[in-house]
Amino acid sequence: MEQSIESSRLSLVSMGVPVLEAMLADDLVATARLLRCRIPPDLLLTHIPAARRLRQMYEDPTVQPWLLRAMIDRTSGIMVGHIGFHSSPLPEDLAGVAPDGVEMGYTVYESFRRQKYATEAAIALMHWAYAQYDQRCFVLSISPQNLPSTAMAESLRFTRCGSKIDEEDGLEIFFVRRFDKWPTDWRGNIAR
């Protein structure tokens, strides 16, 4: 099993093939057992992009560390959301926006929002990619109607750099963040 990424409150636990297969079967019990956490009973596992990520892992098992991770609050043991990169770095679909980048996506489940989980998880995931793989460019694509995610991106000093029409989500704005050194004001979010 891929090692989890730790932040001050969260464990970001990789969702491998067995977890994604359990999710696609809508099996909350098996998913919770495999992730070693509790899953909110109202969570619809089918709303997690499991099928797409599972296909990527079938095609290339080495991509798993980059893909979906459960956001698990260590104090409560509850899965509060999920986060991950859409691929490993330098995908073709970012060539026109940030050819040196990797795109990140996340969801915090409704009853856990406005507690800074997304910010904390995003910083931890970026730090992992920075420290382990020397990744320096990160991309978010956010619907213009998603004001909380836009505010989070701007608070982390991501800048707008274009847009796209997503087949599933419609118009999305690209945000990019590049840095040479790890931002000093982000250090408090990383577990030591």
N, C-alpha and C. Protein backbone atom coordinates (compact mmCIF):
# COMPACT_ATOMS: atom_id res chain seq x y z
N MET A 1 0.85 -1.19 0.00
CA MET A 1 0.00 0.00 0.00
C MET A 1 0.89 1.25 0.00
N GLU A 2 0.52 2.21 -0.79
CA GLU A 2 1.25 3.47 -0.90
C GLU A 2 1.20 4.21 0.44
N GLN A 3 2.34 4.78 0.84
CA GLN A 3 2.41 5.50 2.11
C GLN A 3 1.51 6.74 2.08
N SER A 4 0.84 7.00 3.20
CA SER A 4 -0.04 8.18 3.26
C SER A 4 0.80 9.44 3.39
N ILE A 5 0.19 10.54 3.02
CA ILE A 5 0.78 11.87 3.16
C ILE A 5 0.11 12.49 4.38
N GLU A 6 0.91 13.03 5.27
CA GLU A 6 0.38 13.57 6.53
C GLU A 6 0.44 15.10 6.53
N SER A 7 -0.65 15.71 6.99
CA SER A 7 -0.67 17.15 7.25
C SER A 7 -0.95 17.31 8.74
N SER A 8 -1.22 18.52 9.19
CA SER A 8 -1.41 18.71 10.62
C SER A 8 -2.62 17.94 11.15
N ARG A 9 -3.72 17.82 10.39
CA ARG A 9 -4.91 17.11 10.86
C ARG A 9 -5.27 15.89 10.02
N LEU A 10 -4.75 15.80 8.81
CA LEU A 10 -5.21 14.81 7.85
C LEU A 10 -4.17 13.76 7.49
N SER A 11 -4.66 12.59 7.15
CA SER A 11 -3.88 11.57 6.45
C SER A 11 -4.48 11.48 5.06
N LEU A 12 -3.64 11.64 4.05
CA LEU A 12 -4.09 11.51 2.66
C LEU A 12 -3.70 10.10 2.22
N VAL A 13 -4.68 9.21 2.19
CA VAL A 13 -4.45 7.79 1.96
C VAL A 13 -4.75 7.44 0.51
N SER A 14 -3.77 6.86 -0.16
CA SER A 14 -3.90 6.50 -1.56
C SER A 14 -5.02 5.49 -1.76
N MET A 15 -5.82 5.72 -2.79
CA MET A 15 -6.91 4.82 -3.15
C MET A 15 -6.43 3.95 -4.31
N GLY A 16 -5.97 2.75 -3.98
CA GLY A 16 -5.48 1.83 -5.00
C GLY A 16 -6.62 1.08 -5.68
N VAL A 17 -6.25 0.11 -6.49
CA VAL A 17 -7.22 -0.65 -7.28
C VAL A 17 -8.31 -1.27 -6.42
N PRO A 18 -7.99 -1.99 -5.32
CA PRO A 18 -9.08 -2.60 -4.53
C PRO A 18 -10.06 -1.57 -3.97
N VAL A 19 -9.55 -0.42 -3.54
CA VAL A 19 -10.43 0.62 -3.00
C VAL A 19 -11.36 1.15 -4.09
N LEU A 20 -10.79 1.45 -5.25
CA LEU A 20 -11.61 1.99 -6.34
C LEU A 20 -12.63 0.97 -6.83
N GLU A 21 -12.25 -0.31 -6.85
CA GLU A 21 -13.21 -1.34 -7.24
C GLU A 21 -14.36 -1.42 -6.23
N ALA A 22 -14.04 -1.31 -4.94
CA ALA A 22 -15.10 -1.31 -3.91
C ALA A 22 -16.00 -0.10 -4.06
N MET A 23 -15.41 1.06 -4.37
CA MET A 23 -16.21 2.26 -4.57
C MET A 23 -17.16 2.10 -5.75
N LEU A 24 -16.64 1.55 -6.84
CA LEU A 24 -17.48 1.38 -8.03
C LEU A 24 -18.60 0.38 -7.79
N ALA A 25 -18.40 -0.53 -6.84
CA ALA A 25 -19.47 -1.46 -6.45
C ALA A 25 -20.39 -0.82 -5.41
N ASP A 26 -20.11 0.43 -5.05
CA ASP A 26 -20.88 1.19 -4.05
C ASP A 26 -20.91 0.46 -2.71
N ASP A 27 -19.77 -0.13 -2.36
CA ASP A 27 -19.64 -0.92 -1.13
C ASP A 27 -18.94 -0.07 -0.06
N LEU A 28 -19.75 0.65 0.73
CA LEU A 28 -19.20 1.51 1.79
C LEU A 28 -18.41 0.72 2.82
N VAL A 29 -18.88 -0.46 3.17
CA VAL A 29 -18.22 -1.27 4.21
C VAL A 29 -16.82 -1.67 3.76
N ALA A 30 -16.71 -2.22 2.55
CA ALA A 30 -15.39 -2.64 2.05
C ALA A 30 -14.47 -1.43 1.85
N THR A 31 -15.01 -0.35 1.33
CA THR A 31 -14.19 0.85 1.12
C THR A 31 -13.64 1.36 2.45
N ALA A 32 -14.48 1.44 3.46
CA ALA A 32 -14.04 1.90 4.78
C ALA A 32 -13.01 0.95 5.38
N ARG A 33 -13.21 -0.34 5.22
CA ARG A 33 -12.26 -1.32 5.75
C ARG A 33 -10.90 -1.18 5.06
N LEU A 34 -10.90 -1.05 3.75
CA LEU A 34 -9.65 -0.92 3.00
C LEU A 34 -8.91 0.38 3.33
N LEU A 35 -9.67 1.45 3.54
CA LEU A 35 -9.04 2.74 3.86
C LEU A 35 -8.77 2.91 5.36
N ARG A 36 -9.29 1.99 6.18
CA ARG A 36 -9.14 2.04 7.63
C ARG A 36 -9.70 3.35 8.20
N CYS A 37 -10.93 3.65 7.79
CA CYS A 37 -11.57 4.88 8.26
C CYS A 37 -13.07 4.65 8.31
N ARG A 38 -13.76 5.67 8.80
CA ARG A 38 -15.22 5.68 8.74
C ARG A 38 -15.61 6.57 7.57
N ILE A 39 -16.67 6.18 6.89
CA ILE A 39 -17.15 6.94 5.75
C ILE A 39 -18.55 7.46 6.08
N PRO A 40 -18.78 8.75 5.86
CA PRO A 40 -20.12 9.29 6.15
C PRO A 40 -21.19 8.47 5.44
N PRO A 41 -22.27 8.10 6.13
CA PRO A 41 -23.29 7.22 5.55
C PRO A 41 -24.00 7.83 4.34
N ASP A 42 -24.00 9.16 4.24
CA ASP A 42 -24.68 9.79 3.11
C ASP A 42 -23.77 10.01 1.90
N LEU A 43 -22.53 9.53 1.98
CA LEU A 43 -21.59 9.71 0.88
C LEU A 43 -21.94 8.79 -0.28
N LEU A 44 -22.05 9.36 -1.46
CA LEU A 44 -22.28 8.56 -2.66
C LEU A 44 -20.93 8.29 -3.30
N LEU A 45 -20.45 7.08 -3.17
CA LEU A 45 -19.14 6.73 -3.69
C LEU A 45 -19.06 6.91 -5.20
N THR A 46 -20.19 6.81 -5.88
CA THR A 46 -20.19 6.95 -7.34
C THR A 46 -19.90 8.38 -7.78
N HIS A 47 -19.92 9.34 -6.86
CA HIS A 47 -19.59 10.73 -7.21
C HIS A 47 -18.09 10.99 -7.19
N ILE A 48 -17.33 10.01 -6.78
CA ILE A 48 -15.87 10.11 -6.79
C ILE A 48 -15.40 9.61 -8.16
N PRO A 49 -14.43 10.28 -8.80
CA PRO A 49 -14.02 9.87 -10.16
C PRO A 49 -13.22 8.56 -10.18
N ALA A 50 -13.79 7.53 -9.58
CA ALA A 50 -13.09 6.26 -9.42
C ALA A 50 -12.86 5.54 -10.74
N ALA A 51 -13.85 5.52 -11.62
CA ALA A 51 -13.72 4.76 -12.87
C ALA A 51 -12.58 5.30 -13.73
N ARG A 52 -12.48 6.60 -13.84
CA ARG A 52 -11.43 7.21 -14.65
C ARG A 52 -10.05 6.89 -14.05
N ARG A 53 -9.92 7.04 -12.74
CA ARG A 53 -8.63 6.79 -12.09
C ARG A 53 -8.27 5.30 -12.13
N LEU A 54 -9.27 4.43 -12.02
CA LEU A 54 -9.02 3.00 -12.09
C LEU A 54 -8.49 2.62 -13.47
N ARG A 55 -9.08 3.17 -14.53
CA ARG A 55 -8.57 2.92 -15.89
C ARG A 55 -7.12 3.35 -16.01
N GLN A 56 -6.79 4.52 -15.42
CA GLN A 56 -5.40 5.00 -15.48
C GLN A 56 -4.46 4.02 -14.79
N MET A 57 -4.87 3.47 -13.64
CA MET A 57 -4.02 2.52 -12.92
C MET A 57 -3.90 1.20 -13.64
N TYR A 58 -4.98 0.75 -14.30
CA TYR A 58 -4.89 -0.48 -15.10
C TYR A 58 -3.88 -0.30 -16.23
N GLU A 59 -3.89 0.88 -16.87
CA GLU A 59 -2.98 1.16 -17.98
C GLU A 59 -1.54 1.34 -17.52
N ASP A 60 -1.35 1.97 -16.35
CA ASP A 60 -0.01 2.24 -15.84
C ASP A 60 -0.03 2.24 -14.31
N PRO A 61 0.29 1.11 -13.69
CA PRO A 61 0.23 1.03 -12.22
C PRO A 61 1.15 2.02 -11.50
N THR A 62 2.18 2.52 -12.17
CA THR A 62 3.10 3.46 -11.51
C THR A 62 2.48 4.82 -11.26
N VAL A 63 1.32 5.09 -11.83
CA VAL A 63 0.68 6.40 -11.67
C VAL A 63 -0.09 6.50 -10.34
N GLN A 64 -0.32 5.38 -9.66
CA GLN A 64 -1.15 5.37 -8.45
C GLN A 64 -0.77 6.44 -7.43
N PRO A 65 0.50 6.65 -7.07
CA PRO A 65 0.80 7.66 -6.04
C PRO A 65 0.29 9.05 -6.37
N TRP A 66 0.13 9.36 -7.64
CA TRP A 66 -0.30 10.69 -8.07
C TRP A 66 -1.81 10.86 -8.02
N LEU A 67 -2.55 9.77 -8.03
CA LEU A 67 -4.00 9.85 -8.21
C LEU A 67 -4.75 9.99 -6.89
N LEU A 68 -5.97 9.56 -6.84
CA LEU A 68 -6.89 9.79 -5.73
C LEU A 68 -6.36 9.38 -4.36
N ARG A 69 -6.63 10.24 -3.39
CA ARG A 69 -6.32 9.95 -1.99
C ARG A 69 -7.51 10.38 -1.14
N ALA A 70 -7.85 9.54 -0.18
CA ALA A 70 -8.90 9.88 0.78
C ALA A 70 -8.33 10.89 1.76
N MET A 71 -9.10 11.92 2.08
CA MET A 71 -8.73 12.86 3.15
C MET A 71 -9.36 12.32 4.43
N ILE A 72 -8.53 11.82 5.33
CA ILE A 72 -9.04 11.23 6.56
C ILE A 72 -8.61 12.08 7.75
N ASP A 73 -9.59 12.59 8.48
CA ASP A 73 -9.31 13.35 9.69
C ASP A 73 -8.81 12.34 10.74
N ARG A 74 -7.58 12.52 11.20
CA ARG A 74 -6.98 11.55 12.11
C ARG A 74 -7.67 11.50 13.47
N THR A 75 -8.20 12.62 13.95
CA THR A 75 -8.85 12.64 15.26
C THR A 75 -10.14 11.84 15.25
N SER A 76 -10.97 12.06 14.24
CA SER A 76 -12.28 11.38 14.19
C SER A 76 -12.22 10.06 13.42
N GLY A 77 -11.21 9.90 12.56
CA GLY A 77 -11.15 8.71 11.72
C GLY A 77 -12.13 8.73 10.57
N ILE A 78 -12.68 9.90 10.26
CA ILE A 78 -13.70 10.03 9.21
C ILE A 78 -13.08 10.54 7.92
N MET A 79 -13.51 9.97 6.80
CA MET A 79 -13.13 10.46 5.48
C MET A 79 -13.94 11.72 5.21
N VAL A 80 -13.24 12.86 5.12
CA VAL A 80 -13.91 14.15 4.96
C VAL A 80 -13.92 14.65 3.52
N GLY A 81 -13.21 13.94 2.65
CA GLY A 81 -13.13 14.35 1.25
C GLY A 81 -12.12 13.49 0.52
N HIS A 82 -11.78 13.92 -0.70
CA HIS A 82 -10.73 13.24 -1.46
C HIS A 82 -9.98 14.28 -2.29
N ILE A 83 -8.74 13.94 -2.62
CA ILE A 83 -7.85 14.84 -3.35
C ILE A 83 -6.90 14.00 -4.18
N GLY A 84 -6.37 14.58 -5.20
CA GLY A 84 -5.36 13.89 -5.99
C GLY A 84 -5.02 14.68 -7.23
N PHE A 85 -3.96 14.26 -7.86
CA PHE A 85 -3.63 14.82 -9.16
C PHE A 85 -4.41 14.05 -10.22
N HIS A 86 -4.62 14.67 -11.36
CA HIS A 86 -5.35 14.03 -12.45
C HIS A 86 -4.48 13.04 -13.21
N SER A 87 -3.16 13.16 -13.04
CA SER A 87 -2.21 12.32 -13.77
C SER A 87 -0.85 12.51 -13.11
N SER A 88 0.15 11.87 -13.67
CA SER A 88 1.51 12.22 -13.28
C SER A 88 1.86 13.53 -13.98
N PRO A 89 3.00 14.16 -13.63
CA PRO A 89 3.34 15.46 -14.22
C PRO A 89 3.51 15.43 -15.74
N LEU A 90 3.39 16.60 -16.32
CA LEU A 90 3.61 16.88 -17.73
C LEU A 90 2.62 16.20 -18.67
N PRO A 91 1.33 16.18 -18.33
CA PRO A 91 0.37 15.56 -19.24
C PRO A 91 0.16 16.42 -20.48
N GLU A 92 -0.20 15.78 -21.57
CA GLU A 92 -0.41 16.49 -22.83
C GLU A 92 -1.49 17.56 -22.73
N ASP A 93 -2.54 17.31 -21.94
CA ASP A 93 -3.66 18.25 -21.89
C ASP A 93 -3.32 19.57 -21.21
N LEU A 94 -2.16 19.66 -20.55
CA LEU A 94 -1.73 20.94 -19.96
C LEU A 94 -0.68 21.65 -20.81
N ALA A 95 -0.32 21.10 -21.96
CA ALA A 95 0.75 21.66 -22.79
C ALA A 95 0.53 23.14 -23.12
N GLY A 96 -0.70 23.54 -23.36
CA GLY A 96 -0.98 24.93 -23.72
C GLY A 96 -1.13 25.86 -22.54
N VAL A 97 -1.23 25.32 -21.33
CA VAL A 97 -1.46 26.12 -20.13
C VAL A 97 -0.23 26.16 -19.24
N ALA A 98 0.27 24.99 -18.92
CA ALA A 98 1.43 24.85 -18.01
C ALA A 98 2.13 23.54 -18.35
N PRO A 99 2.96 23.54 -19.38
CA PRO A 99 3.58 22.29 -19.83
C PRO A 99 4.45 21.61 -18.78
N ASP A 100 4.87 22.36 -17.77
CA ASP A 100 5.69 21.79 -16.69
C ASP A 100 4.84 21.43 -15.47
N GLY A 101 3.51 21.46 -15.61
CA GLY A 101 2.62 21.33 -14.47
C GLY A 101 2.01 19.96 -14.27
N VAL A 102 1.27 19.88 -13.17
CA VAL A 102 0.44 18.73 -12.85
C VAL A 102 -0.85 19.30 -12.26
N GLU A 103 -1.99 18.76 -12.70
CA GLU A 103 -3.28 19.30 -12.27
C GLU A 103 -3.82 18.55 -11.06
N MET A 104 -4.34 19.31 -10.12
CA MET A 104 -4.86 18.77 -8.87
C MET A 104 -6.37 19.01 -8.80
N GLY A 105 -7.08 18.05 -8.22
CA GLY A 105 -8.51 18.20 -7.97
C GLY A 105 -8.83 17.72 -6.57
N TYR A 106 -9.92 18.22 -6.00
CA TYR A 106 -10.28 17.86 -4.63
C TYR A 106 -11.77 18.08 -4.42
N THR A 107 -12.30 17.39 -3.42
CA THR A 107 -13.67 17.59 -2.97
C THR A 107 -13.68 17.41 -1.46
N VAL A 108 -14.28 18.36 -0.76
CA VAL A 108 -14.55 18.19 0.66
C VAL A 108 -16.05 17.99 0.77
N TYR A 109 -16.45 16.92 1.47
CA TYR A 109 -17.87 16.59 1.58
C TYR A 109 -18.60 17.68 2.36
N GLU A 110 -19.84 17.90 1.98
CA GLU A 110 -20.59 19.08 2.41
C GLU A 110 -20.56 19.35 3.92
N SER A 111 -20.76 18.34 4.74
CA SER A 111 -20.81 18.59 6.19
C SER A 111 -19.44 18.92 6.80
N PHE A 112 -18.37 18.84 6.00
CA PHE A 112 -17.02 19.13 6.51
C PHE A 112 -16.42 20.39 5.88
N ARG A 113 -17.18 21.10 5.11
CA ARG A 113 -16.66 22.30 4.43
C ARG A 113 -16.48 23.45 5.40
N ARG A 114 -15.72 24.45 4.96
CA ARG A 114 -15.42 25.67 5.71
C ARG A 114 -14.61 25.40 6.98
N GLN A 115 -13.79 24.36 6.92
CA GLN A 115 -12.89 24.04 8.02
C GLN A 115 -11.44 24.00 7.56
N LYS A 116 -11.18 24.50 6.34
CA LYS A 116 -9.84 24.59 5.76
C LYS A 116 -9.22 23.23 5.41
N TYR A 117 -10.04 22.18 5.29
CA TYR A 117 -9.51 20.87 4.91
C TYR A 117 -8.91 20.91 3.50
N ALA A 118 -9.58 21.56 2.55
CA ALA A 118 -9.08 21.59 1.18
C ALA A 118 -7.73 22.28 1.11
N THR A 119 -7.60 23.41 1.79
CA THR A 119 -6.33 24.14 1.79
C THR A 119 -5.22 23.28 2.39
N GLU A 120 -5.50 22.68 3.53
CA GLU A 120 -4.51 21.85 4.20
C GLU A 120 -4.09 20.66 3.33
N ALA A 121 -5.07 19.99 2.73
CA ALA A 121 -4.77 18.83 1.89
C ALA A 121 -4.01 19.23 0.63
N ALA A 122 -4.39 20.35 0.01
CA ALA A 122 -3.71 20.81 -1.20
C ALA A 122 -2.24 21.13 -0.91
N ILE A 123 -1.99 21.81 0.18
CA ILE A 123 -0.60 22.14 0.54
C ILE A 123 0.18 20.86 0.80
N ALA A 124 -0.40 19.91 1.53
CA ALA A 124 0.31 18.66 1.83
C ALA A 124 0.61 17.88 0.55
N LEU A 125 -0.35 17.81 -0.37
CA LEU A 125 -0.14 17.08 -1.61
C LEU A 125 0.92 17.76 -2.47
N MET A 126 0.87 19.09 -2.56
CA MET A 126 1.90 19.80 -3.32
C MET A 126 3.27 19.61 -2.69
N HIS A 127 3.34 19.62 -1.36
CA HIS A 127 4.63 19.44 -0.69
C HIS A 127 5.20 18.05 -1.00
N TRP A 128 4.35 17.04 -0.99
CA TRP A 128 4.78 15.69 -1.34
C TRP A 128 5.40 15.67 -2.74
N ALA A 129 4.71 16.26 -3.72
CA ALA A 129 5.21 16.28 -5.10
C ALA A 129 6.49 17.10 -5.21
N TYR A 130 6.56 18.19 -4.46
CA TYR A 130 7.75 19.05 -4.45
C TYR A 130 8.94 18.30 -3.84
N ALA A 131 8.74 17.70 -2.66
CA ALA A 131 9.83 17.06 -1.93
C ALA A 131 10.26 15.73 -2.56
N GLN A 132 9.31 14.95 -3.05
CA GLN A 132 9.64 13.62 -3.58
C GLN A 132 10.02 13.63 -5.06
N TYR A 133 9.46 14.57 -5.83
CA TYR A 133 9.63 14.53 -7.28
C TYR A 133 10.11 15.85 -7.88
N ASP A 134 10.45 16.82 -7.02
CA ASP A 134 10.94 18.11 -7.48
C ASP A 134 9.94 18.83 -8.39
N GLN A 135 8.65 18.59 -8.17
CA GLN A 135 7.60 19.24 -8.95
C GLN A 135 7.46 20.69 -8.49
N ARG A 136 7.45 21.62 -9.43
CA ARG A 136 7.42 23.04 -9.09
C ARG A 136 6.22 23.80 -9.64
N CYS A 137 5.39 23.15 -10.45
CA CYS A 137 4.25 23.83 -11.07
C CYS A 137 2.98 23.02 -10.84
N PHE A 138 1.95 23.71 -10.33
CA PHE A 138 0.69 23.06 -9.98
C PHE A 138 -0.46 23.82 -10.63
N VAL A 139 -1.47 23.08 -11.06
CA VAL A 139 -2.59 23.65 -11.79
C VAL A 139 -3.90 23.22 -11.13
N LEU A 140 -4.85 24.15 -11.07
CA LEU A 140 -6.22 23.87 -10.66
C LEU A 140 -7.13 24.32 -11.78
N SER A 141 -8.23 23.61 -12.02
CA SER A 141 -9.26 24.09 -12.94
C SER A 141 -10.55 24.16 -12.14
N ILE A 142 -11.14 25.36 -12.10
CA ILE A 142 -12.25 25.63 -11.18
C ILE A 142 -13.40 26.30 -11.94
N SER A 143 -14.60 25.84 -11.68
CA SER A 143 -15.79 26.46 -12.26
C SER A 143 -15.88 27.91 -11.76
N PRO A 144 -16.26 28.85 -12.62
CA PRO A 144 -16.40 30.24 -12.17
C PRO A 144 -17.45 30.40 -11.07
N GLN A 145 -18.39 29.46 -10.97
CA GLN A 145 -19.41 29.52 -9.92
C GLN A 145 -18.90 29.00 -8.58
N ASN A 146 -17.77 28.33 -8.57
CA ASN A 146 -17.25 27.75 -7.33
C ASN A 146 -16.40 28.80 -6.60
N LEU A 147 -17.08 29.70 -5.93
CA LEU A 147 -16.39 30.82 -5.27
C LEU A 147 -15.49 30.38 -4.12
N PRO A 148 -15.85 29.37 -3.30
CA PRO A 148 -14.93 28.94 -2.24
C PRO A 148 -13.61 28.39 -2.79
N SER A 149 -13.66 27.59 -3.87
CA SER A 149 -12.42 27.07 -4.44
C SER A 149 -11.60 28.18 -5.10
N THR A 150 -12.28 29.12 -5.73
CA THR A 150 -11.56 30.25 -6.33
C THR A 150 -10.86 31.06 -5.23
N ALA A 151 -11.54 31.30 -4.13
CA ALA A 151 -10.93 32.03 -3.00
C ALA A 151 -9.74 31.27 -2.44
N MET A 152 -9.86 29.94 -2.32
CA MET A 152 -8.74 29.14 -1.82
C MET A 152 -7.55 29.25 -2.76
N ALA A 153 -7.80 29.10 -4.07
CA ALA A 153 -6.71 29.19 -5.05
C ALA A 153 -6.00 30.54 -4.95
N GLU A 154 -6.77 31.60 -4.85
CA GLU A 154 -6.18 32.94 -4.74
C GLU A 154 -5.44 33.11 -3.43
N SER A 155 -5.94 32.52 -2.33
CA SER A 155 -5.24 32.63 -1.05
C SER A 155 -3.90 31.90 -1.08
N LEU A 156 -3.78 30.88 -1.93
CA LEU A 156 -2.51 30.16 -2.09
C LEU A 156 -1.66 30.76 -3.22
N ARG A 157 -2.07 31.92 -3.68
CA ARG A 157 -1.35 32.69 -4.70
C ARG A 157 -1.26 31.97 -6.06
N PHE A 158 -2.30 31.21 -6.38
CA PHE A 158 -2.44 30.71 -7.75
C PHE A 158 -2.93 31.88 -8.59
N THR A 159 -2.56 31.94 -9.85
CA THR A 159 -3.01 33.00 -10.74
C THR A 159 -3.78 32.41 -11.92
N ARG A 160 -4.75 33.16 -12.40
CA ARG A 160 -5.55 32.72 -13.55
C ARG A 160 -4.66 32.70 -14.79
N CYS A 161 -4.86 31.65 -15.60
CA CYS A 161 -4.01 31.55 -16.79
C CYS A 161 -4.74 30.97 -17.99
N GLY A 162 -6.04 31.06 -18.03
CA GLY A 162 -6.78 30.55 -19.17
C GLY A 162 -8.05 29.84 -18.74
N SER A 163 -8.69 29.18 -19.71
CA SER A 163 -9.93 28.47 -19.42
C SER A 163 -10.09 27.31 -20.38
N LYS A 164 -11.07 26.46 -20.07
CA LYS A 164 -11.39 25.33 -20.94
C LYS A 164 -12.86 24.99 -20.75
N ILE A 165 -13.40 24.27 -21.71
CA ILE A 165 -14.74 23.71 -21.57
C ILE A 165 -14.56 22.23 -21.28
N ASP A 166 -14.93 21.82 -20.07
CA ASP A 166 -14.83 20.44 -19.65
C ASP A 166 -16.10 19.70 -20.09
N GLU A 167 -15.94 18.47 -20.61
CA GLU A 167 -17.09 17.70 -21.10
C GLU A 167 -18.14 17.48 -20.02
N GLU A 168 -17.70 17.28 -18.78
CA GLU A 168 -18.63 17.00 -17.69
C GLU A 168 -19.04 18.25 -16.91
N ASP A 169 -18.09 19.16 -16.70
CA ASP A 169 -18.32 20.28 -15.78
C ASP A 169 -18.56 21.62 -16.45
N GLY A 170 -18.43 21.71 -17.77
CA GLY A 170 -18.62 22.99 -18.45
C GLY A 170 -17.39 23.88 -18.35
N LEU A 171 -17.61 25.20 -18.31
CA LEU A 171 -16.51 26.16 -18.26
C LEU A 171 -15.72 26.02 -16.97
N GLU A 172 -14.40 25.96 -17.10
CA GLU A 172 -13.50 25.95 -15.95
C GLU A 172 -12.36 26.93 -16.21
N ILE A 173 -11.96 27.63 -15.16
CA ILE A 173 -10.84 28.57 -15.23
C ILE A 173 -9.59 27.86 -14.73
N PHE A 174 -8.49 27.99 -15.49
CA PHE A 174 -7.21 27.44 -15.05
C PHE A 174 -6.52 28.42 -14.11
N PHE A 175 -5.97 27.88 -13.03
CA PHE A 175 -5.13 28.63 -12.10
C PHE A 175 -3.80 27.89 -12.02
N VAL A 176 -2.70 28.63 -11.97
CA VAL A 176 -1.38 28.00 -11.89
C VAL A 176 -0.56 28.61 -10.77
N ARG A 177 0.27 27.79 -10.17
CA ARG A 177 1.21 28.27 -9.13
C ARG A 177 2.55 27.61 -9.38
N ARG A 178 3.58 28.44 -9.55
CA ARG A 178 4.95 27.97 -9.70
C ARG A 178 5.79 28.55 -8.58
N PHE A 179 6.78 27.79 -8.13
CA PHE A 179 7.73 28.33 -7.16
C PHE A 179 9.03 27.55 -7.24
N ASP A 180 10.13 28.23 -6.89
CA ASP A 180 11.44 27.59 -6.86
C ASP A 180 11.73 27.03 -5.48
N LYS A 181 11.32 27.76 -4.43
CA LYS A 181 11.51 27.31 -3.06
C LYS A 181 10.15 27.14 -2.42
N TRP A 182 10.09 26.18 -1.49
CA TRP A 182 8.83 25.94 -0.80
C TRP A 182 8.42 27.19 -0.02
N PRO A 183 7.19 27.67 -0.17
CA PRO A 183 6.76 28.90 0.51
C PRO A 183 6.85 28.76 2.05
N THR A 184 7.52 29.70 2.68
CA THR A 184 7.72 29.62 4.12
C THR A 184 6.40 29.67 4.89
N ASP A 185 5.40 30.39 4.37
CA ASP A 185 4.13 30.49 5.09
C ASP A 185 3.28 29.21 4.97
N TRP A 186 3.73 28.22 4.21
CA TRP A 186 3.01 26.96 4.10
C TRP A 186 3.59 25.88 5.02
N ARG A 187 4.68 26.15 5.67
CA ARG A 187 5.37 25.12 6.45
C ARG A 187 4.55 24.59 7.62
N GLY A 188 3.68 25.39 8.21
CA GLY A 188 2.89 24.97 9.37
C GLY A 188 1.87 23.90 9.04
N ASN A 189 1.54 23.71 7.75
CA ASN A 189 0.53 22.72 7.38
C ASN A 189 1.11 21.32 7.16
N ILE A 190 2.41 21.19 7.18
CA ILE A 190 3.05 19.91 6.87
C ILE A 190 3.40 19.21 8.17
N ALA A 191 2.99 17.94 8.29
CA ALA A 191 3.32 17.15 9.49
C ALA A 191 4.82 16.85 9.46
N ARG A 192 5.43 16.92 10.59
CA ARG A 192 6.87 16.67 10.67
C ARG A 192 7.13 15.24 11.11
